[in-house]
C-alpha cells in the first residue's frame, strides 16, 4: 500500500492507492468508491487529474475506505488542506504541518533544506563567508548585512549552513564555503523559493530608500509584447542570468554580496482573449 507520508499531493496519493488496490482487486472500482464515499466517478476522475478537490466532509470517508489509522488520517487531513490552500500564508502553514509528521531523520534534512530558502540572509551569509574572513565574530557578521540582522540570527544562520554542508570550519578557525548543492523535494523547494523571492523583492523595495543611488541600479520598463515576444524576452533574461553568474564566478577580489532581481509579469490581460 502506498505510504501516505511520502506524499505532498493528496490527489496523487488517492490515484496511486486506487491503482494499487484496483490491480489487486478489480472490484475496487470507481463505482465501489462512490458507494463508500458518495463521490460521483466523473468527479473522482477530475480529482485524480488534479482538476477538482474533495470536500472536508469527505475526508473521514476516504480515511475509512483506505483503512488509515489516526496518525495517517491526521496527515491525510492536512494533505487535503494543503491541496486546497490558496494564500502564501495558508500554503506555508499547511506545508510546515506536513513536515512535522516526517520521520526524525527525514524531517531534519527536509525541514532544514526548506528553512534555508525561507530567510534571505542565509544565502547572503553563505556568499559573504566566501569573501569575508569570518572566524566567529557574530556581531560583525550581523552588522555587515544590509539591512543588519540580530546576532542570534547570524549565529543560527551559520549553524544551519554548517549542518547543511554549505560552509565548514578550517583548522585555522576560519569558516569557508563548501562545494555542496542543496537537494530536497520539488514541492518543498517550490514553496520555500517562493518565500525567498518575496523577501528579495521586499529588500529591493527597501533599497530605494536605504541604499544610495551610487550603490544600486534599479530600473523599470513597461512594454507591450506578443506571446512570442514574451518568450523571447524570458530567454534573454535567462541568458543574462547565466552571464551574471559567469561574471561572479570570475571574480577574484569580491568585497560584498549583491542581490540581482529579475521581474517580468503582465499588468494587463490579453485583450484578444478578453474580447473573445
C-alpha atoms as a PDB file:
ATOM      1  CA  UNK A   1       0.000   0.000   0.000  1.00  0.00           C
ATOM      2  CA  UNK A   2       1.255   3.484  -0.867  1.00  0.00           C
ATOM      3  CA  UNK A   3       2.917   5.199   2.104  1.00  0.00           C
ATOM      4  CA  UNK A   4       0.888   8.354   2.662  1.00  0.00           C
ATOM      5  CA  UNK A   5       3.796  10.093   4.415  1.00  0.00           C
ATOM      6  CA  UNK A   6       5.734  10.061   1.141  1.00  0.00           C
ATOM      7  CA  UNK A   7       3.181  12.377  -0.481  1.00  0.00           C
ATOM      8  CA  UNK A   8       2.622  16.131  -0.617  1.00  0.00           C
ATOM      9  CA  UNK A   9      -0.252  15.829  -3.114  1.00  0.00           C
ATOM     10  CA  UNK A  10      -3.324  14.058  -1.722  1.00  0.00           C
ATOM     11  CA  UNK A  11      -4.782  13.611  -5.213  1.00  0.00           C
ATOM     12  CA  UNK A  12      -1.705  11.703  -6.362  1.00  0.00           C
ATOM     13  CA  UNK A  13      -1.903   9.606  -3.206  1.00  0.00           C
ATOM     14  CA  UNK A  14      -5.548   8.762  -3.886  1.00  0.00           C
ATOM     15  CA  UNK A  15      -4.802   7.935  -7.531  1.00  0.00           C
ATOM     16  CA  UNK A  16      -1.826   5.700  -6.651  1.00  0.00           C
ATOM     17  CA  UNK A  17      -3.811   3.985  -3.897  1.00  0.00           C
ATOM     18  CA  UNK A  18      -6.710   3.357  -6.261  1.00  0.00           C
ATOM     19  CA  UNK A  19      -4.464   1.906  -8.969  1.00  0.00           C
ATOM     20  CA  UNK A  20      -2.729  -0.382  -6.488  1.00  0.00           C
ATOM     21  CA  UNK A  21      -5.946  -1.609  -4.851  1.00  0.00           C
ATOM     22  CA  UNK A  22      -7.736  -1.981  -8.194  1.00  0.00           C
ATOM     23  CA  UNK A  23      -4.843  -4.085  -9.523  1.00  0.00           C
ATOM     24  CA  UNK A  24      -5.177  -6.416  -6.533  1.00  0.00           C
ATOM     25  CA  UNK A  25      -8.966  -6.473  -6.589  1.00  0.00           C
ATOM     26  CA  UNK A  26     -10.903  -5.414  -9.739  1.00  0.00           C
ATOM     27  CA  UNK A  27     -13.993  -4.905  -7.561  1.00  0.00           C
ATOM     28  CA  UNK A  28     -12.265  -1.880  -6.068  1.00  0.00           C
ATOM     29  CA  UNK A  29     -13.665   0.356  -8.809  1.00  0.00           C
ATOM     30  CA  UNK A  30     -14.941   3.909  -9.219  1.00  0.00           C
ATOM     31  CA  UNK A  31     -18.438   2.618  -8.529  1.00  0.00           C
ATOM     32  CA  UNK A  32     -17.228   0.950  -5.336  1.00  0.00           C
ATOM     33  CA  UNK A  33     -15.628   4.204  -4.198  1.00  0.00           C
ATOM     34  CA  UNK A  34     -18.878   6.020  -4.987  1.00  0.00           C
ATOM     35  CA  UNK A  35     -20.768   3.596  -2.729  1.00  0.00           C
ATOM     36  CA  UNK A  36     -18.352   4.261   0.133  1.00  0.00           C
ATOM     37  CA  UNK A  37     -17.796   7.998  -0.261  1.00  0.00           C
ATOM     38  CA  UNK A  38     -20.750   9.305  -2.237  1.00  0.00           C
ATOM     39  CA  UNK A  39     -18.463  10.857  -4.852  1.00  0.00           C
ATOM     40  CA  UNK A  40     -19.503  10.552  -8.486  1.00  0.00           C
ATOM     41  CA  UNK A  41     -16.992   8.613 -10.684  1.00  0.00           C
ATOM     42  CA  UNK A  42     -16.755  11.517 -13.133  1.00  0.00           C
ATOM     43  CA  UNK A  43     -15.870  13.923 -10.332  1.00  0.00           C
ATOM     44  CA  UNK A  44     -13.400  11.408  -8.885  1.00  0.00           C
ATOM     45  CA  UNK A  45     -11.529  11.267 -12.200  1.00  0.00           C
ATOM     46  CA  UNK A  46     -11.173  15.056 -12.080  1.00  0.00           C
ATOM     47  CA  UNK A  47      -9.831  14.780  -8.522  1.00  0.00           C
ATOM     48  CA  UNK A  48      -7.265  12.197  -9.657  1.00  0.00           C
ATOM     49  CA  UNK A  49      -6.248  14.505 -12.510  1.00  0.00           C
ATOM     50  CA  UNK A  50      -5.785  17.476 -10.178  1.00  0.00           C
ATOM     51  CA  UNK A  51      -8.767  19.402 -11.580  1.00  0.00           C
ATOM     52  CA  UNK A  52     -11.031  19.199  -8.524  1.00  0.00           C
ATOM     53  CA  UNK A  53     -10.722  18.939  -4.740  1.00  0.00           C
ATOM     54  CA  UNK A  54     -12.581  16.686  -2.352  1.00  0.00           C
ATOM     55  CA  UNK A  55     -14.590  18.390   0.389  1.00  0.00           C
ATOM     56  CA  UNK A  56     -13.651  18.464   4.054  1.00  0.00           C
ATOM     57  CA  UNK A  57     -16.726  16.307   4.804  1.00  0.00           C
ATOM     58  CA  UNK A  58     -15.462  13.506   2.566  1.00  0.00           C
ATOM     59  CA  UNK A  59     -12.097  13.187   4.342  1.00  0.00           C
ATOM     60  CA  UNK A  60     -13.378  10.702   7.017  1.00  0.00           C
ATOM     61  CA  UNK A  61     -14.992   8.560   4.294  1.00  0.00           C
ATOM     62  CA  UNK A  62     -11.735   8.261   2.346  1.00  0.00           C
ATOM     63  CA  UNK A  63      -9.823   7.565   5.557  1.00  0.00           C
ATOM     64  CA  UNK A  64     -12.205   4.719   6.345  1.00  0.00           C
ATOM     65  CA  UNK A  65     -12.095   3.453   2.752  1.00  0.00           C
ATOM     66  CA  UNK A  66      -8.287   3.305   2.776  1.00  0.00           C
ATOM     67  CA  UNK A  67      -8.180   1.986   6.375  1.00  0.00           C
ATOM     68  CA  UNK A  68      -5.992   4.805   7.652  1.00  0.00           C
ATOM     69  CA  UNK A  69      -5.060   4.882  11.329  1.00  0.00           C
ATOM     70  CA  UNK A  70      -5.448   8.046  13.419  1.00  0.00           C
ATOM     71  CA  UNK A  71      -1.985   9.454  12.593  1.00  0.00           C
ATOM     72  CA  UNK A  72      -2.394   8.689   8.895  1.00  0.00           C
ATOM     73  CA  UNK A  73      -5.856  10.282   8.951  1.00  0.00           C
ATOM     74  CA  UNK A  74      -4.465  13.423  10.557  1.00  0.00           C
ATOM     75  CA  UNK A  75      -1.758  13.603   7.895  1.00  0.00           C
ATOM     76  CA  UNK A  76      -4.308  12.980   5.131  1.00  0.00           C
ATOM     77  CA  UNK A  77      -6.498  15.776   6.540  1.00  0.00           C
ATOM     78  CA  UNK A  78      -3.584  18.223   6.461  1.00  0.00           C
ATOM     79  CA  UNK A  79      -2.698  16.950   2.994  1.00  0.00           C
ATOM     80  CA  UNK A  80      -6.167  17.885   1.740  1.00  0.00           C
ATOM     81  CA  UNK A  81      -5.989  21.317   3.406  1.00  0.00           C
ATOM     82  CA  UNK A  82      -2.574  21.830   1.783  1.00  0.00           C
ATOM     83  CA  UNK A  83      -4.001  20.916  -1.619  1.00  0.00           C
ATOM     84  CA  UNK A  84      -6.860  23.374  -1.153  1.00  0.00           C
ATOM     85  CA  UNK A  85      -4.720  26.233   0.251  1.00  0.00           C
ATOM     86  CA  UNK A  86      -4.686  29.449  -1.790  1.00  0.00           C
ATOM     87  CA  UNK A  87      -2.711  32.149   0.010  1.00  0.00           C
ATOM     88  CA  UNK A  88       1.035  32.019   0.669  1.00  0.00           C
ATOM     89  CA  UNK A  89       0.402  32.004   4.421  1.00  0.00           C
ATOM     90  CA  UNK A  90      -2.002  29.057   4.165  1.00  0.00           C
ATOM     91  CA  UNK A  91       0.388  27.130   1.921  1.00  0.00           C
ATOM     92  CA  UNK A  92       3.356  27.759   4.246  1.00  0.00           C
ATOM     93  CA  UNK A  93       1.384  26.832   7.395  1.00  0.00           C
ATOM     94  CA  UNK A  94      -0.017  23.610   5.908  1.00  0.00           C
ATOM     95  CA  UNK A  95       3.314  22.551   4.458  1.00  0.00           C
ATOM     96  CA  UNK A  96       5.126  23.014   7.766  1.00  0.00           C
ATOM     97  CA  UNK A  97       2.460  20.886   9.464  1.00  0.00           C
ATOM     98  CA  UNK A  98       3.109  18.134   6.922  1.00  0.00           C
ATOM     99  CA  UNK A  99       6.837  18.314   7.602  1.00  0.00           C
ATOM    100  CA  UNK A 100       6.200  17.746  11.315  1.00  0.00           C
ATOM    101  CA  UNK A 101       4.861  14.250  10.511  1.00  0.00           C
ATOM    102  CA  UNK A 102       8.078  13.074   8.870  1.00  0.00           C
ATOM    103  CA  UNK A 103      10.380  10.521  10.439  1.00  0.00           C
ATOM    104  CA  UNK A 104      13.064  12.175  12.644  1.00  0.00           C
ATOM    105  CA  UNK A 105      15.992  11.787  10.219  1.00  0.00           C
ATOM    106  CA  UNK A 106      13.953  12.663   7.149  1.00  0.00           C
ATOM    107  CA  UNK A 107      12.336  15.594   8.911  1.00  0.00           C
ATOM    108  CA  UNK A 108      15.697  17.083   9.887  1.00  0.00           C
ATOM    109  CA  UNK A 109      17.056  17.074   6.337  1.00  0.00           C
ATOM    110  CA  UNK A 110      13.830  18.151   4.643  1.00  0.00           C
ATOM    111  CA  UNK A 111      12.949  20.829   7.192  1.00  0.00           C
ATOM    112  CA  UNK A 112      16.437  22.343   7.280  1.00  0.00           C
ATOM    113  CA  UNK A 113      16.665  22.368   3.483  1.00  0.00           C
ATOM    114  CA  UNK A 114      13.292  24.091   3.441  1.00  0.00           C
ATOM    115  CA  UNK A 115      14.398  26.605   6.088  1.00  0.00           C
ATOM    116  CA  UNK A 116      17.475  27.578   4.041  1.00  0.00           C
ATOM    117  CA  UNK A 117      15.249  29.278   1.474  1.00  0.00           C
ATOM    118  CA  UNK A 118      12.949  30.994   3.972  1.00  0.00           C
ATOM    119  CA  UNK A 119      15.403  33.690   5.141  1.00  0.00           C
ATOM    120  CA  UNK A 120      17.163  35.966   2.681  1.00  0.00           C
ATOM    121  CA  UNK A 121      20.174  36.333   4.951  1.00  0.00           C
ATOM    122  CA  UNK A 122      21.027  32.611   4.896  1.00  0.00           C
ATOM    123  CA  UNK A 123      22.138  32.861   1.286  1.00  0.00           C
ATOM    124  CA  UNK A 124      23.712  36.275   1.939  1.00  0.00           C
ATOM    125  CA  UNK A 125      25.854  34.899   4.780  1.00  0.00           C
ATOM    126  CA  UNK A 126      26.859  31.886   2.728  1.00  0.00           C
ATOM    127  CA  UNK A 127      28.102  34.163  -0.048  1.00  0.00           C
ATOM    128  CA  UNK A 128      29.683  36.633   2.374  1.00  0.00           C
ATOM    129  CA  UNK A 129      31.704  33.887   4.040  1.00  0.00           C
ATOM    130  CA  UNK A 130      33.208  33.211   0.625  1.00  0.00           C
ATOM    131  CA  UNK A 131      34.970  36.602   0.686  1.00  0.00           C
ATOM    132  CA  UNK A 132      34.979  37.709   4.343  1.00  0.00           C
ATOM    133  CA  UNK A 133      37.403  36.112   6.865  1.00  0.00           C
ATOM    134  CA  UNK A 134      34.798  35.002   9.394  1.00  0.00           C
ATOM    135  CA  UNK A 135      36.168  33.224  12.470  1.00  0.00           C
ATOM    136  CA  UNK A 136      33.260  33.581  14.877  1.00  0.00           C
ATOM    137  CA  UNK A 137      32.649  37.305  15.314  1.00  0.00           C
ATOM    138  CA  UNK A 138      28.859  37.149  15.016  1.00  0.00           C
ATOM    139  CA  UNK A 139      28.339  40.810  15.925  1.00  0.00           C
ATOM    140  CA  UNK A 140      30.473  41.900  12.994  1.00  0.00           C
ATOM    141  CA  UNK A 141      28.877  39.342  10.670  1.00  0.00           C
ATOM    142  CA  UNK A 142      25.379  40.526  11.588  1.00  0.00           C
ATOM    143  CA  UNK A 143      26.367  44.180  11.119  1.00  0.00           C
ATOM    144  CA  UNK A 144      27.864  43.553   7.671  1.00  0.00           C
ATOM    145  CA  UNK A 145      24.489  42.669   6.173  1.00  0.00           C
ATOM    146  CA  UNK A 146      22.197  45.327   4.713  1.00  0.00           C
ATOM    147  CA  UNK A 147      19.855  45.558   6.479  1.00  0.00           C
ATOM    148  CA  UNK A 148      21.728  44.303   9.530  1.00  0.00           C
ATOM    149  CA  UNK A 149      20.320  41.332  11.429  1.00  0.00           C
ATOM    150  CA  UNK A 150      20.404  40.224  15.063  1.00  0.00           C
ATOM    151  CA  UNK A 151      23.491  38.473  16.414  1.00  0.00           C
ATOM    152  CA  UNK A 152      21.305  35.481  17.327  1.00  0.00           C
ATOM    153  CA  UNK A 153      20.064  35.303  13.717  1.00  0.00           C
ATOM    154  CA  UNK A 154      23.630  35.344  12.385  1.00  0.00           C
ATOM    155  CA  UNK A 155      24.623  32.540  14.748  1.00  0.00           C
ATOM    156  CA  UNK A 156      21.592  30.454  13.805  1.00  0.00           C
ATOM    157  CA  UNK A 157      22.361  31.005  10.121  1.00  0.00           C
ATOM    158  CA  UNK A 158      25.956  29.796  10.476  1.00  0.00           C
ATOM    159  CA  UNK A 159      24.829  26.721  12.431  1.00  0.00           C
ATOM    160  CA  UNK A 160      22.293  25.852   9.727  1.00  0.00           C
ATOM    161  CA  UNK A 161      24.814  26.351   6.910  1.00  0.00           C
ATOM    162  CA  UNK A 162      27.283  24.067   8.685  1.00  0.00           C
ATOM    163  CA  UNK A 163      24.656  21.343   9.189  1.00  0.00           C
ATOM    164  CA  UNK A 164      23.661  21.541   5.523  1.00  0.00           C
ATOM    165  CA  UNK A 165      27.301  21.298   4.442  1.00  0.00           C
ATOM    166  CA  UNK A 166      27.318  24.720   2.773  1.00  0.00           C
ATOM    167  CA  UNK A 167      30.169  26.035   4.907  1.00  0.00           C
ATOM    168  CA  UNK A 168      32.814  24.430   7.106  1.00  0.00           C
ATOM    169  CA  UNK A 169      35.401  25.493   9.646  1.00  0.00           C
ATOM    170  CA  UNK A 170      39.060  25.158   8.686  1.00  0.00           C
ATOM    171  CA  UNK A 171      41.876  24.182  11.034  1.00  0.00           C
ATOM    172  CA  UNK A 172      42.861  27.832  11.389  1.00  0.00           C
ATOM    173  CA  UNK A 173      39.357  28.625  12.698  1.00  0.00           C
ATOM    174  CA  UNK A 174      38.088  30.407   9.592  1.00  0.00           C
ATOM    175  CA  UNK A 175      34.780  29.420   8.024  1.00  0.00           C
ATOM    176  CA  UNK A 176      34.853  28.794   4.271  1.00  0.00           C
ATOM    177  CA  UNK A 177      32.348  27.772   1.638  1.00  0.00           C
ATOM    178  CA  UNK A 178      31.962  24.068   0.878  1.00  0.00           C
ATOM    179  CA  UNK A 179      31.059  22.874  -2.608  1.00  0.00           C
ATOM    180  CA  UNK A 180      27.692  21.321  -1.985  1.00  0.00           C
ATOM    181  CA  UNK A 181      24.304  21.860  -3.588  1.00  0.00           C
ATOM    182  CA  UNK A 182      21.105  21.542  -1.632  1.00  0.00           C
ATOM    183  CA  UNK A 183      18.800  18.663  -2.567  1.00  0.00           C
ATOM    184  CA  UNK A 184      15.194  18.439  -1.473  1.00  0.00           C
ATOM    185  CA  UNK A 185      11.783  17.596  -2.873  1.00  0.00           C
ATOM    186  CA  UNK A 186      10.282  19.697  -5.658  1.00  0.00           C
ATOM    187  CA  UNK A 187       7.274  20.655  -3.532  1.00  0.00           C
ATOM    188  CA  UNK A 188       9.477  21.743  -0.647  1.00  0.00           C
ATOM    189  CA  UNK A 189      11.787  23.763  -2.862  1.00  0.00           C
ATOM    190  CA  UNK A 190       8.974  25.446  -4.809  1.00  0.00           C
ATOM    191  CA  UNK A 191       7.248  26.726  -1.668  1.00  0.00           C
ATOM    192  CA  UNK A 192      10.450  27.873   0.025  1.00  0.00           C
ATOM    193  CA  UNK A 193      11.820  29.598  -3.081  1.00  0.00           C
ATOM    194  CA  UNK A 194       8.554  31.486  -3.437  1.00  0.00           C
ATOM    195  CA  UNK A 195       9.004  32.814   0.107  1.00  0.00           C
ATOM    196  CA  UNK A 196      12.639  33.678  -0.640  1.00  0.00           C
ATOM    197  CA  UNK A 197      11.712  35.573  -3.800  1.00  0.00           C
ATOM    198  CA  UNK A 198       9.103  37.614  -1.941  1.00  0.00           C
ATOM    199  CA  UNK A 199      11.774  38.535   0.616  1.00  0.00           C
ATOM    200  CA  UNK A 200      14.227  39.673  -2.046  1.00  0.00           C
ATOM    201  CA  UNK A 201      11.550  41.749  -3.793  1.00  0.00           C
ATOM    202  CA  UNK A 202      10.829  43.382  -0.443  1.00  0.00           C
ATOM    203  CA  UNK A 203      14.555  44.080   0.007  1.00  0.00           C
ATOM    204  CA  UNK A 204      14.666  45.704  -3.431  1.00  0.00           C
ATOM    205  CA  UNK A 205      11.785  47.961  -2.452  1.00  0.00           C
ATOM    206  CA  UNK A 206      13.537  48.957   0.780  1.00  0.00           C
ATOM    207  CA  UNK A 207      16.812  49.543  -1.100  1.00  0.00           C
ATOM    208  CA  UNK A 208      15.229  52.539  -2.845  1.00  0.00           C
ATOM    209  CA  UNK A 209      15.341  54.362   0.483  1.00  0.00           C
ATOM    210  CA  UNK A 210      18.168  52.575   2.260  1.00  0.00           C
ATOM    211  CA  UNK A 211      20.882  52.395  -0.406  1.00  0.00           C
ATOM    212  CA  UNK A 212      22.412  55.415  -2.156  1.00  0.00           C
ATOM    213  CA  UNK A 213      21.999  55.695  -5.940  1.00  0.00           C
ATOM    214  CA  UNK A 214      25.729  55.154  -6.419  1.00  0.00           C
ATOM    215  CA  UNK A 215      25.485  51.722  -4.786  1.00  0.00           C
ATOM    216  CA  UNK A 216      22.391  50.392  -6.567  1.00  0.00           C
ATOM    217  CA  UNK A 217      20.876  50.121 -10.024  1.00  0.00           C
ATOM    218  CA  UNK A 218      17.114  49.827 -10.100  1.00  0.00           C
ATOM    219  CA  UNK A 219      15.193  50.498 -13.291  1.00  0.00           C
ATOM    220  CA  UNK A 220      11.774  49.707 -14.718  1.00  0.00           C
ATOM    221  CA  UNK A 221      10.490  49.441 -18.272  1.00  0.00           C
ATOM    222  CA  UNK A 222       6.893  48.973 -19.391  1.00  0.00           C
ATOM    223  CA  UNK A 223       6.443  47.363 -22.813  1.00  0.00           C
ATOM    224  CA  UNK A 224       3.796  45.694 -24.989  1.00  0.00           C
ATOM    225  CA  UNK A 225       4.513  42.125 -26.081  1.00  0.00           C
ATOM    226  CA  UNK A 226       3.011  39.288 -28.062  1.00  0.00           C
ATOM    227  CA  UNK A 227       3.232  35.743 -26.631  1.00  0.00           C
ATOM    228  CA  UNK A 228       6.231  35.192 -28.910  1.00  0.00           C
ATOM    229  CA  UNK A 229       7.869  38.411 -27.720  1.00  0.00           C
ATOM    230  CA  UNK A 230       7.263  37.396 -24.101  1.00  0.00           C
ATOM    231  CA  UNK A 231       9.020  34.081 -24.728  1.00  0.00           C
ATOM    232  CA  UNK A 232      11.948  35.811 -26.406  1.00  0.00           C
ATOM    233  CA  UNK A 233      12.325  38.221 -23.502  1.00  0.00           C
ATOM    234  CA  UNK A 234      12.275  35.358 -20.987  1.00  0.00           C
ATOM    235  CA  UNK A 235      15.059  33.686 -22.952  1.00  0.00           C
ATOM    236  CA  UNK A 236      17.078  36.922 -22.924  1.00  0.00           C
ATOM    237  CA  UNK A 237      16.677  37.200 -19.153  1.00  0.00           C
ATOM    238  CA  UNK A 238      17.800  33.597 -18.797  1.00  0.00           C
ATOM    239  CA  UNK A 239      20.884  34.338 -20.885  1.00  0.00           C
ATOM    240  CA  UNK A 240      21.651  37.396 -18.784  1.00  0.00           C
ATOM    241  CA  UNK A 241      21.303  35.408 -15.548  1.00  0.00           C
ATOM    242  CA  UNK A 242      23.931  32.995 -16.855  1.00  0.00           C
ATOM    243  CA  UNK A 243      26.168  35.942 -17.767  1.00  0.00           C
ATOM    244  CA  UNK A 244      25.755  37.373 -14.243  1.00  0.00           C
ATOM    245  CA  UNK A 245      26.831  34.043 -12.726  1.00  0.00           C
ATOM    246  CA  UNK A 246      29.784  33.863 -15.125  1.00  0.00           C
ATOM    247  CA  UNK A 247      30.981  37.334 -14.090  1.00  0.00           C
ATOM    248  CA  UNK A 248      30.566  36.440 -10.411  1.00  0.00           C
ATOM    249  CA  UNK A 249      32.490  33.175 -10.816  1.00  0.00           C
ATOM    250  CA  UNK A 250      35.387  35.051 -12.440  1.00  0.00           C
ATOM    251  CA  UNK A 251      35.663  37.483  -9.523  1.00  0.00           C
ATOM    252  CA  UNK A 252      38.920  37.181  -7.569  1.00  0.00           C
ATOM    253  CA  UNK A 253      38.660  40.187  -5.248  1.00  0.00           C
ATOM    254  CA  UNK A 254      34.979  40.336  -4.309  1.00  0.00           C
ATOM    255  CA  UNK A 255      34.245  42.616  -1.355  1.00  0.00           C
ATOM    256  CA  UNK A 256      30.471  42.334  -0.915  1.00  0.00           C
ATOM    257  CA  UNK A 257      27.265  40.449  -1.652  1.00  0.00           C
ATOM    258  CA  UNK A 258      24.586  41.731  -4.038  1.00  0.00           C
ATOM    259  CA  UNK A 259      21.081  40.668  -4.999  1.00  0.00           C
ATOM    260  CA  UNK A 260      20.243  40.766  -8.709  1.00  0.00           C
ATOM    261  CA  UNK A 261      16.467  40.542  -9.109  1.00  0.00           C
ATOM    262  CA  UNK A 262      14.541  39.933 -12.332  1.00  0.00           C
ATOM    263  CA  UNK A 263      10.807  40.553 -12.667  1.00  0.00           C
ATOM    264  CA  UNK A 264       8.745  40.106 -15.796  1.00  0.00           C
ATOM    265  CA  UNK A 265       4.976  39.993 -15.378  1.00  0.00           C
ATOM    266  CA  UNK A 266       1.797  41.211 -17.114  1.00  0.00           C
ATOM    267  CA  UNK A 267      -0.032  44.334 -15.955  1.00  0.00           C
ATOM    268  CA  UNK A 268      -2.916  43.830 -18.382  1.00  0.00           C
ATOM    269  CA  UNK A 269      -4.962  40.959 -19.767  1.00  0.00           C
ATOM    270  CA  UNK A 270      -4.523  39.666 -23.306  1.00  0.00           C
ATOM    271  CA  UNK A 271      -7.085  41.927 -24.991  1.00  0.00           C
ATOM    272  CA  UNK A 272      -7.755  39.451 -27.801  1.00  0.00           C
ATOM    273  CA  UNK A 273      -8.632  36.661 -25.355  1.00  0.00           C
ATOM    274  CA  UNK A 274     -10.625  39.070 -23.216  1.00  0.00           C
ATOM    275  CA  UNK A 275     -12.715  40.273 -26.173  1.00  0.00           C
ATOM    276  CA  UNK A 276     -13.389  36.743 -27.331  1.00  0.00           C
END
